[in-house]
C-alpha atoms as a PDB file:
ATOM      1  CA  ASP A   1     -94.579 177.210 -32.712  1.00  0.00           C
ATOM      2  CA  LEU A   2     -94.564 177.456 -36.482  1.00  0.00           C
ATOM      3  CA  ILE A   3     -96.330 174.248 -36.740  1.00  0.00           C
ATOM      4  CA  THR A   4     -99.315 175.713 -34.516  1.00  0.00           C
ATOM      5  CA  LEU A   5     -99.563 178.765 -36.761  1.00  0.00           C
ATOM      6  CA  VAL A   6     -99.230 176.739 -39.979  1.00  0.00           C
ATOM      7  CA  SER A   7    -101.947 174.130 -38.642  1.00  0.00           C
ATOM      8  CA  ILE A   8    -104.315 177.195 -37.658  1.00  0.00           C
ATOM      9  CA  GLY A   9    -103.777 178.693 -41.187  1.00  0.00           C
ATOM     10  CA  GLY A  10    -104.466 175.414 -42.879  1.00  0.00           C
ATOM     11  CA  TRP A  11    -107.542 174.792 -41.094  1.00  0.00           C
ATOM     12  CA  ILE A  12    -108.803 178.378 -41.624  1.00  0.00           C
ATOM     13  CA  ARG A  13    -108.232 178.050 -45.337  1.00  0.00           C
ATOM     14  CA  GLY A  14    -109.820 174.544 -45.443  1.00  0.00           C
ATOM     15  CA  THR A  15    -112.769 176.083 -43.690  1.00  0.00           C
ATOM     16  CA  GLU A  16    -112.999 178.674 -46.430  1.00  0.00           C
ATOM     17  CA  VAL A  17    -112.782 176.195 -49.169  1.00  0.00           C
ATOM     18  CA  VAL A  18    -115.307 173.734 -47.643  1.00  0.00           C
ATOM     19  CA  THR A  19    -117.793 176.386 -47.161  1.00  0.00           C
ATOM     20  CA  GLY A  20    -117.456 177.665 -50.414  1.00  0.00           C
ATOM     21  CA  LEU A  21    -118.171 174.168 -51.775  1.00  0.00           C
ATOM     22  CA  VAL A  22    -121.236 173.780 -49.522  1.00  0.00           C
ATOM     23  CA  LEU A  23    -122.516 176.999 -50.798  1.00  0.00           C
ATOM     24  CA  GLN A  24    -122.236 175.761 -54.463  1.00  0.00           C
ATOM     25  CA  ASN A  25    -124.680 173.079 -54.059  1.00  0.00           C
ATOM     26  CA  TYR A  26    -126.268 173.659 -50.567  1.00  0.00           C
ATOM     27  CA  SER A  27    -127.541 170.857 -48.642  1.00  0.00           C
ATOM     28  CA  ALA A  28    -128.533 170.424 -44.869  1.00  0.00           C
ATOM     29  CA  GLU A  29    -126.563 167.265 -44.758  1.00  0.00           C
ATOM     30  CA  ASP A  30    -123.313 168.958 -45.979  1.00  0.00           C
ATOM     31  CA  ALA A  31    -123.879 172.098 -43.760  1.00  0.00           C
ATOM     32  CA  ARG A  32    -124.075 170.144 -40.629  1.00  0.00           C
ATOM     33  CA  LEU A  33    -120.441 168.844 -41.250  1.00  0.00           C
ATOM     34  CA  LEU A  34    -119.446 172.499 -40.360  1.00  0.00           C
ATOM     35  CA  ARG A  35    -120.010 171.846 -36.583  1.00  0.00           C
ATOM     36  CA  GLN A  36    -116.444 171.852 -35.252  1.00  0.00           C
ATOM     37  CA  PRO A  37    -116.467 173.246 -31.835  1.00  0.00           C
ATOM     38  CA  ALA A  38    -113.946 170.828 -30.305  1.00  0.00           C
ATOM     39  CA  LEU A  39    -111.477 171.540 -33.121  1.00  0.00           C
ATOM     40  CA  VAL A  40    -111.612 175.189 -32.835  1.00  0.00           C
ATOM     41  CA  SER A  41    -111.090 175.013 -29.017  1.00  0.00           C
ATOM     42  CA  PHE A  42    -108.151 172.878 -29.535  1.00  0.00           C
ATOM     43  CA  LEU A  43    -106.499 175.271 -32.112  1.00  0.00           C
ATOM     44  CA  LYS A  44    -107.233 178.276 -29.494  1.00  0.00           C
ATOM     45  CA  SER A  45    -105.618 176.279 -26.875  1.00  0.00           C
ATOM     46  CA  LYS A  46    -102.475 175.911 -28.736  1.00  0.00           C
ATOM     47  CA  LEU A  47    -102.384 179.677 -29.507  1.00  0.00           C
ATOM     48  CA  VAL A  48    -102.494 180.308 -25.760  1.00  0.00           C
ATOM     49  CA  LEU A  49     -99.191 178.091 -25.552  1.00  0.00           C
ATOM     50  CA  LEU A  50     -97.064 180.277 -27.902  1.00  0.00           C
ATOM     51  CA  PRO A  51     -94.315 182.186 -26.412  1.00  0.00           C
ATOM     52  CA  GLY A  52     -95.367 185.728 -25.074  1.00  0.00           C
ATOM     53  CA  LYS A  53     -93.471 187.501 -27.945  1.00  0.00           C
ATOM     54  CA  MET A  54     -95.518 185.662 -30.424  1.00  0.00           C
ATOM     55  CA  GLN A  55     -98.722 186.146 -28.710  1.00  0.00           C
ATOM     56  CA  LYS A  56     -98.273 189.888 -28.796  1.00  0.00           C
ATOM     57  CA  ASP A  57     -97.795 189.958 -32.714  1.00  0.00           C
ATOM     58  CA  PRO A  58    -100.670 191.733 -34.150  1.00  0.00           C
ATOM     59  CA  LEU A  59    -101.319 188.952 -36.708  1.00  0.00           C
ATOM     60  CA  VAL A  60    -101.518 186.257 -34.012  1.00  0.00           C
ATOM     61  CA  GLN A  61    -103.911 188.647 -31.870  1.00  0.00           C
ATOM     62  CA  ASN A  62    -106.127 189.138 -34.856  1.00  0.00           C
ATOM     63  CA  VAL A  63    -106.265 185.382 -35.435  1.00  0.00           C
ATOM     64  CA  SER A  64    -107.026 184.739 -31.934  1.00  0.00           C
ATOM     65  CA  ARG A  65    -109.806 187.231 -32.025  1.00  0.00           C
ATOM     66  CA  ASP A  66    -111.430 186.004 -35.294  1.00  0.00           C
ATOM     67  CA  LEU A  67    -111.087 182.503 -34.151  1.00  0.00           C
ATOM     68  CA  ASP A  68    -113.433 183.391 -31.312  1.00  0.00           C
ATOM     69  CA  GLY A  69    -116.030 184.523 -33.937  1.00  0.00           C
ATOM     70  CA  ILE A  70    -115.688 181.579 -36.106  1.00  0.00           C
ATOM     71  CA  GLN A  71    -115.777 179.278 -33.060  1.00  0.00           C
ATOM     72  CA  LYS A  72    -119.397 180.709 -32.403  1.00  0.00           C
ATOM     73  CA  MET A  73    -120.323 179.958 -36.021  1.00  0.00           C
ATOM     74  CA  VAL A  74    -119.224 176.334 -35.726  1.00  0.00           C
ATOM     75  CA  SER A  75    -120.536 175.635 -32.198  1.00  0.00           C
ATOM     76  CA  PHE A  76    -124.234 175.205 -33.060  1.00  0.00           C
ATOM     77  CA  PRO A  77    -126.195 172.482 -31.472  1.00  0.00           C
ATOM     78  CA  PRO A  78    -126.157 169.088 -33.028  1.00  0.00           C
ATOM     79  CA  ASP A  79    -129.715 169.305 -34.167  1.00  0.00           C
ATOM     80  CA  HIS A  80    -129.430 172.669 -35.872  1.00  0.00           C
ATOM     81  CA  VAL A  81    -128.831 173.077 -39.607  1.00  0.00           C
ATOM     82  CA  PRO A  82    -126.943 176.121 -40.619  1.00  0.00           C
ATOM     83  CA  SER A  83    -128.873 178.115 -43.108  1.00  0.00           C
ATOM     84  CA  GLU A  84    -127.187 179.113 -46.279  1.00  0.00           C
ATOM     85  CA  GLY A  85    -126.710 182.601 -44.711  1.00  0.00           C
ATOM     86  CA  GLU A  86    -124.799 181.025 -41.951  1.00  0.00           C
ATOM     87  CA  VAL A  87    -122.646 179.078 -44.115  1.00  0.00           C
ATOM     88  CA  LYS A  88    -121.990 182.220 -46.114  1.00  0.00           C
ATOM     89  CA  ASP A  89    -121.059 184.244 -42.961  1.00  0.00           C
ATOM     90  CA  LEU A  90    -118.671 181.536 -42.086  1.00  0.00           C
ATOM     91  CA  ASN A  91    -117.040 181.516 -45.550  1.00  0.00           C
ATOM     92  CA  LEU A  92    -116.718 185.361 -45.390  1.00  0.00           C
ATOM     93  CA  ALA A  93    -115.049 185.194 -41.965  1.00  0.00           C
ATOM     94  CA  ALA A  94    -112.718 182.400 -42.974  1.00  0.00           C
ATOM     95  CA  ALA A  95    -111.900 184.300 -46.253  1.00  0.00           C
ATOM     96  CA  LYS A  96    -111.193 187.453 -44.274  1.00  0.00           C
ATOM     97  CA  LEU A  97    -108.877 185.635 -42.039  1.00  0.00           C
ATOM     98  CA  THR A  98    -107.158 183.899 -44.883  1.00  0.00           C
ATOM     99  CA  LYS A  99    -106.547 187.249 -46.794  1.00  0.00           C
ATOM    100  CA  GLU A 100    -105.143 188.755 -43.476  1.00  0.00           C
ATOM    101  CA  ILE A 101    -102.908 185.987 -43.040  1.00  0.00           C
ATOM    102  CA  GLY A 102    -101.717 185.976 -46.615  1.00  0.00           C
ATOM    103  CA  ALA A 103    -101.107 189.803 -46.547  1.00  0.00           C
ATOM    104  CA  SER A 104     -98.646 189.566 -43.752  1.00  0.00           C
ATOM    105  CA  GLU A 105     -96.247 187.299 -45.592  1.00  0.00           C
END
């Protein structure tokens, strides 16, 4: 259970860092690397397997909800190049969630 939460938190923080780097020197090639729908689906599937008590935790519910939004942002078609604005939106979403997770400690 803890491994699942740490993995999800690590991926979210990593997404925040990577999108920040992409924004520093935007290129279409780098922005395409942000397409990760299968990974987010996998992380969400692990959240569903948490014990009921953990699933009811407000932070876990927020993470689950916000992952839905992030999943949409990283599920673009293979031929789509995310714009700088789209990368910025993903960065802001990941940063917001990272901050929420950090504030709960």
